[in-house]
Amino acid sequence: MNGTEQVNKIIFLDIDGVLCFYPPKHLDYRINANSDLSPLACKHLKTILDKTGARIVISSSWRLNDVYLQDLLGQLGQHGITRDLVVGVTDNLMAAPGIKDHCHLRWMEINDYIKKHNIKKYVVLDDFALDRYTDKNFVKTQMHTGLTEELRNEAIKRLD
């Protein structure tokens, strides 16, 4: 993964509930690491990337295990989302003080990345309720439907 110094627009990307829907094909996808990504949701993501010039930073828990991350990058590649479009991952701040819940942790990790890399234009694609932290930059997916055409269009608007 490259750096984000030259990137003007970032998509902070969750996977489960965005590109991979519940219930997962494999009930314990963290053990199997083969949950299939939705081809349609991946097509919507690719359209966002193509229309906006944005790049991806993985904020999903898939980033926490190198086997899962490599599997994810391989699956994205099968949908035309090449590794050069993924410029980083958020740091794991699980041990940071003051964490209230998973949503708060996810936002802390994203916000930390924004500050470290001086990101000005971004959108967060996630099924967690992160709108209390960043409503103007957040597109909330639903765990059973993921990234839809309507949400794709919303993400494009927020990145323009």
N, C-alpha and C. Protein backbone atom coordinates (compact mmCIF):
# COMPACT_ATOMS: atom_id res chain seq x y z
N MET A 1 0.85 -1.17 0.00
CA MET A 1 0.00 0.00 0.00
C MET A 1 0.90 1.24 0.00
N ASN A 2 0.48 2.19 -0.77
CA ASN A 2 1.28 3.40 -0.94
C ASN A 2 1.09 4.32 0.26
N GLY A 3 1.20 5.59 0.10
CA GLY A 3 0.91 6.56 1.15
C GLY A 3 -0.25 7.42 0.70
N THR A 4 -0.73 8.29 1.56
CA THR A 4 -1.85 9.13 1.18
C THR A 4 -1.43 10.58 0.97
N GLU A 5 -0.12 10.85 0.94
CA GLU A 5 0.34 12.23 0.82
C GLU A 5 -0.20 12.90 -0.44
N GLN A 6 -0.26 12.18 -1.54
CA GLN A 6 -0.66 12.76 -2.82
C GLN A 6 -2.15 12.58 -3.11
N VAL A 7 -2.89 11.93 -2.23
CA VAL A 7 -4.29 11.63 -2.48
C VAL A 7 -5.17 12.73 -1.89
N ASN A 8 -6.09 13.24 -2.70
CA ASN A 8 -6.95 14.33 -2.26
C ASN A 8 -8.26 13.85 -1.66
N LYS A 9 -8.71 12.64 -2.02
CA LYS A 9 -10.00 12.14 -1.55
C LYS A 9 -9.83 10.70 -1.05
N ILE A 10 -10.40 10.44 0.11
CA ILE A 10 -10.26 9.13 0.74
C ILE A 10 -11.63 8.54 1.05
N ILE A 11 -11.76 7.24 0.81
CA ILE A 11 -12.92 6.46 1.24
C ILE A 11 -12.44 5.58 2.39
N PHE A 12 -12.97 5.81 3.58
CA PHE A 12 -12.70 4.92 4.71
C PHE A 12 -13.70 3.79 4.58
N LEU A 13 -13.19 2.59 4.32
CA LEU A 13 -14.03 1.47 3.91
C LEU A 13 -14.12 0.38 4.96
N ASP A 14 -15.35 0.16 5.43
CA ASP A 14 -15.68 -1.03 6.20
C ASP A 14 -16.02 -2.10 5.18
N ILE A 15 -15.96 -3.36 5.56
CA ILE A 15 -16.27 -4.44 4.61
C ILE A 15 -17.60 -5.11 4.95
N ASP A 16 -17.70 -5.65 6.17
CA ASP A 16 -18.93 -6.35 6.55
C ASP A 16 -20.06 -5.34 6.67
N GLY A 17 -21.14 -5.61 5.96
CA GLY A 17 -22.27 -4.69 5.94
C GLY A 17 -22.16 -3.62 4.86
N VAL A 18 -21.03 -3.60 4.14
CA VAL A 18 -20.83 -2.66 3.03
C VAL A 18 -20.64 -3.45 1.74
N LEU A 19 -19.62 -4.30 1.71
CA LEU A 19 -19.35 -5.13 0.53
C LEU A 19 -19.70 -6.60 0.76
N CYS A 20 -19.82 -6.99 1.99
CA CYS A 20 -20.13 -8.37 2.39
C CYS A 20 -21.33 -8.31 3.32
N PHE A 21 -22.41 -8.98 2.98
CA PHE A 21 -23.66 -8.82 3.71
C PHE A 21 -23.88 -9.91 4.73
N TYR A 22 -24.75 -9.62 5.69
CA TYR A 22 -25.12 -10.58 6.72
C TYR A 22 -26.40 -11.29 6.33
N PRO A 23 -26.65 -12.52 6.71
CA PRO A 23 -25.62 -13.32 7.35
C PRO A 23 -24.57 -13.71 6.32
N PRO A 24 -23.31 -13.73 6.73
CA PRO A 24 -22.25 -14.09 5.79
C PRO A 24 -22.48 -15.50 5.24
N LYS A 25 -21.94 -15.74 4.07
CA LYS A 25 -22.03 -17.06 3.46
C LYS A 25 -21.48 -18.11 4.42
N HIS A 26 -20.37 -17.77 5.07
CA HIS A 26 -19.77 -18.65 6.08
C HIS A 26 -20.05 -17.99 7.42
N LEU A 27 -20.69 -18.70 8.33
CA LEU A 27 -21.13 -18.08 9.57
C LEU A 27 -19.96 -17.53 10.39
N ASP A 28 -18.82 -18.19 10.36
CA ASP A 28 -17.67 -17.67 11.08
C ASP A 28 -16.61 -17.20 10.09
N TYR A 29 -16.88 -16.08 9.45
CA TYR A 29 -16.01 -15.56 8.41
C TYR A 29 -14.64 -15.15 8.97
N ARG A 30 -14.52 -14.85 10.24
CA ARG A 30 -13.22 -14.47 10.79
C ARG A 30 -12.29 -15.69 10.88
N ILE A 31 -12.85 -16.87 10.96
CA ILE A 31 -12.02 -18.07 10.94
C ILE A 31 -11.76 -18.49 9.50
N ASN A 32 -12.81 -18.47 8.68
CA ASN A 32 -12.66 -18.93 7.31
C ASN A 32 -12.00 -17.90 6.39
N ALA A 33 -12.23 -16.62 6.67
CA ALA A 33 -11.69 -15.53 5.85
C ALA A 33 -12.02 -15.71 4.38
N ASN A 34 -13.16 -16.32 4.05
CA ASN A 34 -13.57 -16.42 2.65
C ASN A 34 -14.95 -15.90 2.38
N SER A 35 -15.41 -14.98 3.15
CA SER A 35 -16.73 -14.41 2.85
C SER A 35 -16.64 -13.72 1.50
N ASP A 36 -17.59 -14.06 0.65
CA ASP A 36 -17.57 -13.48 -0.69
C ASP A 36 -18.09 -12.05 -0.66
N LEU A 37 -17.39 -11.20 -1.38
CA LEU A 37 -17.84 -9.82 -1.54
C LEU A 37 -18.93 -9.79 -2.59
N SER A 38 -19.88 -8.90 -2.43
CA SER A 38 -20.96 -8.75 -3.40
C SER A 38 -20.41 -8.11 -4.67
N PRO A 39 -20.57 -8.77 -5.81
CA PRO A 39 -20.12 -8.17 -7.07
C PRO A 39 -20.78 -6.82 -7.34
N LEU A 40 -22.07 -6.69 -7.02
CA LEU A 40 -22.77 -5.43 -7.28
C LEU A 40 -22.25 -4.32 -6.36
N ALA A 41 -22.06 -4.63 -5.08
CA ALA A 41 -21.52 -3.62 -4.16
C ALA A 41 -20.11 -3.21 -4.57
N CYS A 42 -19.30 -4.17 -5.01
CA CYS A 42 -17.95 -3.85 -5.49
C CYS A 42 -18.01 -2.98 -6.75
N LYS A 43 -18.97 -3.24 -7.61
CA LYS A 43 -19.15 -2.40 -8.81
C LYS A 43 -19.49 -0.97 -8.40
N HIS A 44 -20.36 -0.82 -7.40
CA HIS A 44 -20.70 0.52 -6.91
C HIS A 44 -19.47 1.22 -6.33
N LEU A 45 -18.66 0.48 -5.58
CA LEU A 45 -17.43 1.06 -5.03
C LEU A 45 -16.49 1.49 -6.14
N LYS A 46 -16.33 0.65 -7.14
CA LYS A 46 -15.45 0.99 -8.28
C LYS A 46 -15.95 2.23 -8.99
N THR A 47 -17.25 2.38 -9.12
CA THR A 47 -17.82 3.58 -9.75
C THR A 47 -17.47 4.82 -8.93
N ILE A 48 -17.57 4.74 -7.62
CA ILE A 48 -17.19 5.87 -6.77
C ILE A 48 -15.73 6.24 -7.01
N LEU A 49 -14.87 5.23 -7.02
CA LEU A 49 -13.44 5.47 -7.24
C LEU A 49 -13.19 6.12 -8.60
N ASP A 50 -13.83 5.59 -9.63
CA ASP A 50 -13.64 6.10 -11.00
C ASP A 50 -14.15 7.53 -11.15
N LYS A 51 -15.30 7.82 -10.58
CA LYS A 51 -15.91 9.14 -10.77
C LYS A 51 -15.27 10.23 -9.92
N THR A 52 -14.67 9.86 -8.80
CA THR A 52 -14.16 10.88 -7.88
C THR A 52 -12.63 10.94 -7.82
N GLY A 53 -11.96 9.89 -8.27
CA GLY A 53 -10.51 9.84 -8.12
C GLY A 53 -10.08 9.52 -6.69
N ALA A 54 -11.01 9.11 -5.86
CA ALA A 54 -10.71 8.79 -4.46
C ALA A 54 -9.88 7.50 -4.37
N ARG A 55 -9.27 7.32 -3.23
CA ARG A 55 -8.54 6.11 -2.91
C ARG A 55 -9.10 5.55 -1.60
N ILE A 56 -8.78 4.30 -1.31
CA ILE A 56 -9.36 3.58 -0.17
C ILE A 56 -8.37 3.48 0.99
N VAL A 57 -8.89 3.70 2.19
CA VAL A 57 -8.20 3.34 3.42
C VAL A 57 -9.13 2.35 4.12
N ILE A 58 -8.62 1.16 4.40
CA ILE A 58 -9.43 0.12 5.04
C ILE A 58 -9.57 0.44 6.53
N SER A 59 -10.83 0.57 6.96
CA SER A 59 -11.12 0.79 8.38
C SER A 59 -11.78 -0.43 9.02
N SER A 60 -12.07 -1.42 8.22
CA SER A 60 -12.72 -2.65 8.67
C SER A 60 -11.80 -3.47 9.57
N SER A 61 -12.40 -4.30 10.41
CA SER A 61 -11.60 -5.20 11.25
C SER A 61 -10.82 -6.21 10.41
N TRP A 62 -11.14 -6.36 9.13
CA TRP A 62 -10.37 -7.24 8.25
C TRP A 62 -8.91 -6.82 8.20
N ARG A 63 -8.61 -5.56 8.49
CA ARG A 63 -7.25 -5.04 8.42
C ARG A 63 -6.37 -5.57 9.55
N LEU A 64 -6.99 -6.12 10.61
CA LEU A 64 -6.25 -6.49 11.81
C LEU A 64 -5.51 -7.81 11.70
N ASN A 65 -5.77 -8.57 10.66
CA ASN A 65 -5.11 -9.85 10.46
C ASN A 65 -4.60 -9.87 9.03
N ASP A 66 -3.31 -10.09 8.87
CA ASP A 66 -2.71 -10.00 7.54
C ASP A 66 -3.30 -11.02 6.56
N VAL A 67 -3.67 -12.20 7.04
CA VAL A 67 -4.28 -13.21 6.16
C VAL A 67 -5.61 -12.68 5.61
N TYR A 68 -6.43 -12.10 6.49
CA TYR A 68 -7.72 -11.56 6.06
C TYR A 68 -7.54 -10.37 5.13
N LEU A 69 -6.56 -9.51 5.46
CA LEU A 69 -6.31 -8.33 4.64
C LEU A 69 -5.86 -8.74 3.24
N GLN A 70 -4.97 -9.70 3.15
CA GLN A 70 -4.50 -10.16 1.83
C GLN A 70 -5.64 -10.82 1.05
N ASP A 71 -6.48 -11.58 1.76
CA ASP A 71 -7.66 -12.18 1.12
C ASP A 71 -8.58 -11.09 0.58
N LEU A 72 -8.80 -10.06 1.39
CA LEU A 72 -9.64 -8.94 0.98
C LEU A 72 -9.07 -8.25 -0.25
N LEU A 73 -7.78 -7.96 -0.25
CA LEU A 73 -7.15 -7.28 -1.39
C LEU A 73 -7.27 -8.14 -2.64
N GLY A 74 -7.13 -9.45 -2.49
CA GLY A 74 -7.30 -10.35 -3.63
C GLY A 74 -8.72 -10.34 -4.16
N GLN A 75 -9.70 -10.37 -3.25
CA GLN A 75 -11.10 -10.34 -3.68
C GLN A 75 -11.44 -9.00 -4.35
N LEU A 76 -10.96 -7.89 -3.79
CA LEU A 76 -11.20 -6.59 -4.41
C LEU A 76 -10.60 -6.56 -5.82
N GLY A 77 -9.41 -7.11 -5.96
CA GLY A 77 -8.75 -7.17 -7.27
C GLY A 77 -9.57 -7.92 -8.31
N GLN A 78 -10.28 -8.95 -7.87
CA GLN A 78 -11.13 -9.70 -8.80
C GLN A 78 -12.28 -8.85 -9.31
N HIS A 79 -12.55 -7.74 -8.64
CA HIS A 79 -13.64 -6.84 -9.05
C HIS A 79 -13.10 -5.54 -9.64
N GLY A 80 -11.82 -5.55 -10.03
CA GLY A 80 -11.23 -4.39 -10.68
C GLY A 80 -10.75 -3.31 -9.73
N ILE A 81 -10.79 -3.58 -8.45
CA ILE A 81 -10.31 -2.61 -7.46
C ILE A 81 -8.91 -3.06 -7.07
N THR A 82 -7.94 -2.54 -7.81
CA THR A 82 -6.56 -3.00 -7.70
C THR A 82 -5.88 -2.46 -6.44
N ARG A 83 -4.78 -3.10 -6.08
CA ARG A 83 -4.08 -2.76 -4.84
C ARG A 83 -3.60 -1.31 -4.81
N ASP A 84 -3.32 -0.72 -5.95
CA ASP A 84 -2.88 0.67 -5.97
C ASP A 84 -4.00 1.64 -5.56
N LEU A 85 -5.23 1.17 -5.58
CA LEU A 85 -6.36 2.00 -5.15
C LEU A 85 -6.55 1.98 -3.64
N VAL A 86 -5.85 1.06 -2.97
CA VAL A 86 -5.89 0.97 -1.51
C VAL A 86 -4.59 1.56 -0.98
N VAL A 87 -4.68 2.73 -0.36
CA VAL A 87 -3.48 3.45 0.04
C VAL A 87 -3.11 3.28 1.51
N GLY A 88 -3.95 2.60 2.28
CA GLY A 88 -3.60 2.40 3.67
C GLY A 88 -4.69 1.73 4.48
N VAL A 89 -4.39 1.57 5.76
CA VAL A 89 -5.33 1.03 6.73
C VAL A 89 -5.26 1.93 7.96
N THR A 90 -6.35 1.99 8.70
CA THR A 90 -6.34 2.75 9.95
C THR A 90 -5.57 1.96 11.01
N ASP A 91 -4.96 2.68 11.94
CA ASP A 91 -4.26 2.04 13.05
C ASP A 91 -5.26 1.38 13.99
N ASN A 92 -4.79 0.37 14.70
CA ASN A 92 -5.61 -0.30 15.71
C ASN A 92 -5.42 0.44 17.03
N LEU A 93 -6.44 1.14 17.47
CA LEU A 93 -6.38 1.91 18.71
C LEU A 93 -7.16 1.25 19.85
N MET A 94 -7.36 -0.05 19.74
CA MET A 94 -8.18 -0.76 20.72
C MET A 94 -7.73 -0.52 22.16
N ALA A 95 -6.45 -0.34 22.38
CA ALA A 95 -5.94 -0.15 23.74
C ALA A 95 -5.97 1.32 24.19
N ALA A 96 -6.45 2.20 23.34
CA ALA A 96 -6.49 3.63 23.68
C ALA A 96 -7.46 3.88 24.83
N PRO A 97 -7.14 4.85 25.69
CA PRO A 97 -8.05 5.14 26.81
C PRO A 97 -9.32 5.84 26.33
N GLY A 98 -10.38 5.65 27.07
CA GLY A 98 -11.62 6.38 26.81
C GLY A 98 -12.53 5.79 25.74
N ILE A 99 -12.28 4.58 25.29
CA ILE A 99 -13.12 3.97 24.26
C ILE A 99 -14.43 3.54 24.89
N LYS A 100 -15.53 3.97 24.28
CA LYS A 100 -16.86 3.69 24.82
C LYS A 100 -17.48 2.44 24.21
N ASP A 101 -17.31 2.26 22.90
CA ASP A 101 -17.92 1.13 22.19
C ASP A 101 -17.24 0.98 20.83
N HIS A 102 -17.70 0.01 20.05
CA HIS A 102 -17.08 -0.25 18.75
C HIS A 102 -17.21 0.94 17.80
N CYS A 103 -18.34 1.63 17.84
CA CYS A 103 -18.52 2.80 16.98
C CYS A 103 -17.52 3.89 17.35
N HIS A 104 -17.36 4.12 18.64
CA HIS A 104 -16.42 5.13 19.10
C HIS A 104 -15.00 4.76 18.70
N LEU A 105 -14.63 3.50 18.87
CA LEU A 105 -13.30 3.03 18.48
C LEU A 105 -13.08 3.23 16.98
N ARG A 106 -14.04 2.84 16.16
CA ARG A 106 -13.91 2.99 14.71
C ARG A 106 -13.69 4.46 14.35
N TRP A 107 -14.50 5.35 14.96
CA TRP A 107 -14.34 6.77 14.67
C TRP A 107 -12.98 7.29 15.14
N MET A 108 -12.52 6.86 16.32
CA MET A 108 -11.20 7.29 16.80
C MET A 108 -10.10 6.88 15.82
N GLU A 109 -10.20 5.66 15.28
CA GLU A 109 -9.19 5.18 14.33
C GLU A 109 -9.23 5.98 13.03
N ILE A 110 -10.43 6.28 12.54
CA ILE A 110 -10.57 7.07 11.32
C ILE A 110 -10.08 8.50 11.56
N ASN A 111 -10.51 9.10 12.65
CA ASN A 111 -10.13 10.47 12.95
C ASN A 111 -8.61 10.60 13.13
N ASP A 112 -8.00 9.61 13.76
CA ASP A 112 -6.55 9.58 13.92
C ASP A 112 -5.86 9.58 12.55
N TYR A 113 -6.38 8.79 11.63
CA TYR A 113 -5.80 8.72 10.27
C TYR A 113 -5.97 10.07 9.56
N ILE A 114 -7.14 10.66 9.68
CA ILE A 114 -7.40 11.96 9.05
C ILE A 114 -6.40 13.00 9.53
N LYS A 115 -6.16 13.04 10.82
CA LYS A 115 -5.23 14.02 11.39
C LYS A 115 -3.79 13.73 10.99
N LYS A 116 -3.37 12.47 11.07
CA LYS A 116 -1.99 12.11 10.74
C LYS A 116 -1.65 12.40 9.29
N HIS A 117 -2.62 12.24 8.39
CA HIS A 117 -2.37 12.38 6.96
C HIS A 117 -2.97 13.65 6.37
N ASN A 118 -3.50 14.51 7.22
CA ASN A 118 -4.05 15.79 6.79
C ASN A 118 -5.08 15.62 5.66
N ILE A 119 -6.01 14.69 5.87
CA ILE A 119 -7.04 14.40 4.88
C ILE A 119 -8.11 15.49 4.95
N LYS A 120 -8.41 16.09 3.81
CA LYS A 120 -9.40 17.17 3.75
C LYS A 120 -10.75 16.68 3.22
N LYS A 121 -10.74 15.79 2.26
CA LYS A 121 -11.97 15.34 1.60
C LYS A 121 -12.06 13.83 1.79
N TYR A 122 -13.13 13.40 2.43
CA TYR A 122 -13.27 11.97 2.68
C TYR A 122 -14.74 11.60 2.86
N VAL A 123 -14.99 10.31 2.73
CA VAL A 123 -16.29 9.75 3.05
C VAL A 123 -16.04 8.43 3.79
N VAL A 124 -16.90 8.16 4.75
CA VAL A 124 -16.84 6.92 5.52
C VAL A 124 -18.00 6.04 5.06
N LEU A 125 -17.69 4.84 4.57
CA LEU A 125 -18.72 3.86 4.20
C LEU A 125 -18.72 2.78 5.26
N ASP A 126 -19.80 2.70 6.03
CA ASP A 126 -19.82 1.78 7.17
C ASP A 126 -21.26 1.50 7.56
N ASP A 127 -21.49 0.32 8.16
CA ASP A 127 -22.81 0.02 8.70
C ASP A 127 -22.90 0.34 10.19
N PHE A 128 -21.81 0.74 10.81
CA PHE A 128 -21.85 1.24 12.19
C PHE A 128 -22.48 2.62 12.18
N ALA A 129 -23.08 3.02 13.28
CA ALA A 129 -23.72 4.33 13.40
C ALA A 129 -22.68 5.40 13.74
N LEU A 130 -21.94 5.83 12.73
CA LEU A 130 -20.88 6.82 12.93
C LEU A 130 -21.35 8.24 12.66
N ASP A 131 -22.61 8.42 12.33
CA ASP A 131 -23.12 9.75 11.99
C ASP A 131 -23.04 10.71 13.17
N ARG A 132 -23.00 10.21 14.39
CA ARG A 132 -22.88 11.11 15.55
C ARG A 132 -21.50 11.76 15.60
N TYR A 133 -20.54 11.22 14.85
CA TYR A 133 -19.20 11.77 14.81
C TYR A 133 -18.93 12.58 13.54
N THR A 134 -19.50 12.17 12.44
CA THR A 134 -19.20 12.80 11.15
C THR A 134 -20.36 12.67 10.18
N ASP A 135 -21.46 13.34 10.44
CA ASP A 135 -22.64 13.17 9.61
C ASP A 135 -22.46 13.64 8.18
N LYS A 136 -21.72 14.72 7.94
CA LYS A 136 -21.58 15.22 6.56
C LYS A 136 -20.63 14.37 5.72
N ASN A 137 -19.83 13.54 6.36
CA ASN A 137 -18.88 12.70 5.63
C ASN A 137 -19.22 11.22 5.74
N PHE A 138 -20.42 10.91 6.17
CA PHE A 138 -20.76 9.52 6.47
C PHE A 138 -21.89 9.04 5.57
N VAL A 139 -21.70 7.84 5.02
CA VAL A 139 -22.75 7.17 4.26
C VAL A 139 -22.98 5.83 4.96
N LYS A 140 -24.13 5.70 5.59
CA LYS A 140 -24.44 4.50 6.36
C LYS A 140 -25.11 3.45 5.49
N THR A 141 -24.50 2.28 5.46
CA THR A 141 -25.08 1.14 4.75
C THR A 141 -25.89 0.32 5.74
N GLN A 142 -26.65 -0.62 5.21
CA GLN A 142 -27.41 -1.55 6.05
C GLN A 142 -26.77 -2.93 5.91
N MET A 143 -26.66 -3.64 7.02
CA MET A 143 -25.93 -4.90 7.02
C MET A 143 -26.48 -5.96 6.06
N HIS A 144 -27.75 -5.85 5.67
CA HIS A 144 -28.33 -6.86 4.79
C HIS A 144 -28.28 -6.47 3.31
N THR A 145 -28.02 -5.19 3.03
CA THR A 145 -28.03 -4.73 1.63
C THR A 145 -26.74 -4.07 1.20
N GLY A 146 -25.93 -3.60 2.12
CA GLY A 146 -24.63 -3.03 1.79
C GLY A 146 -24.69 -1.78 0.95
N LEU A 147 -23.68 -1.61 0.11
CA LEU A 147 -23.54 -0.42 -0.73
C LEU A 147 -24.47 -0.54 -1.93
N THR A 148 -25.51 0.27 -1.92
CA THR A 148 -26.52 0.26 -2.98
C THR A 148 -26.23 1.39 -3.98
N GLU A 149 -26.99 1.42 -5.05
CA GLU A 149 -26.85 2.48 -6.05
C GLU A 149 -27.12 3.85 -5.42
N GLU A 150 -28.16 3.94 -4.61
CA GLU A 150 -28.50 5.21 -3.96
C GLU A 150 -27.36 5.68 -3.05
N LEU A 151 -26.79 4.77 -2.28
CA LEU A 151 -25.69 5.13 -1.38
C LEU A 151 -24.43 5.44 -2.16
N ARG A 152 -24.22 4.75 -3.27
CA ARG A 152 -23.10 5.07 -4.16
C ARG A 152 -23.19 6.51 -4.61
N ASN A 153 -24.38 6.92 -5.06
CA ASN A 153 -24.58 8.29 -5.54
C ASN A 153 -24.37 9.31 -4.43
N GLU A 154 -24.80 8.96 -3.22
CA GLU A 154 -24.60 9.84 -2.07
C GLU A 154 -23.11 10.00 -1.77
N ALA A 155 -22.36 8.92 -1.83
CA ALA A 155 -20.91 8.98 -1.58
C ALA A 155 -20.23 9.85 -2.63
N ILE A 156 -20.63 9.72 -3.88
CA ILE A 156 -20.05 10.53 -4.95
C ILE A 156 -20.31 12.01 -4.68
N LYS A 157 -21.54 12.35 -4.29
CA LYS A 157 -21.88 13.75 -3.97
C LYS A 157 -21.01 14.29 -2.84
N ARG A 158 -20.80 13.46 -1.82
CA ARG A 158 -20.04 13.93 -0.66
C ARG A 158 -18.57 14.10 -0.98
N LEU A 159 -18.08 13.40 -1.99
CA LEU A 159 -16.66 13.53 -2.36
C LEU A 159 -16.42 14.62 -3.40
N ASP A 160 -17.48 15.11 -4.03
CA ASP A 160 -17.30 16.17 -5.05
C ASP A 160 -17.06 17.53 -4.42
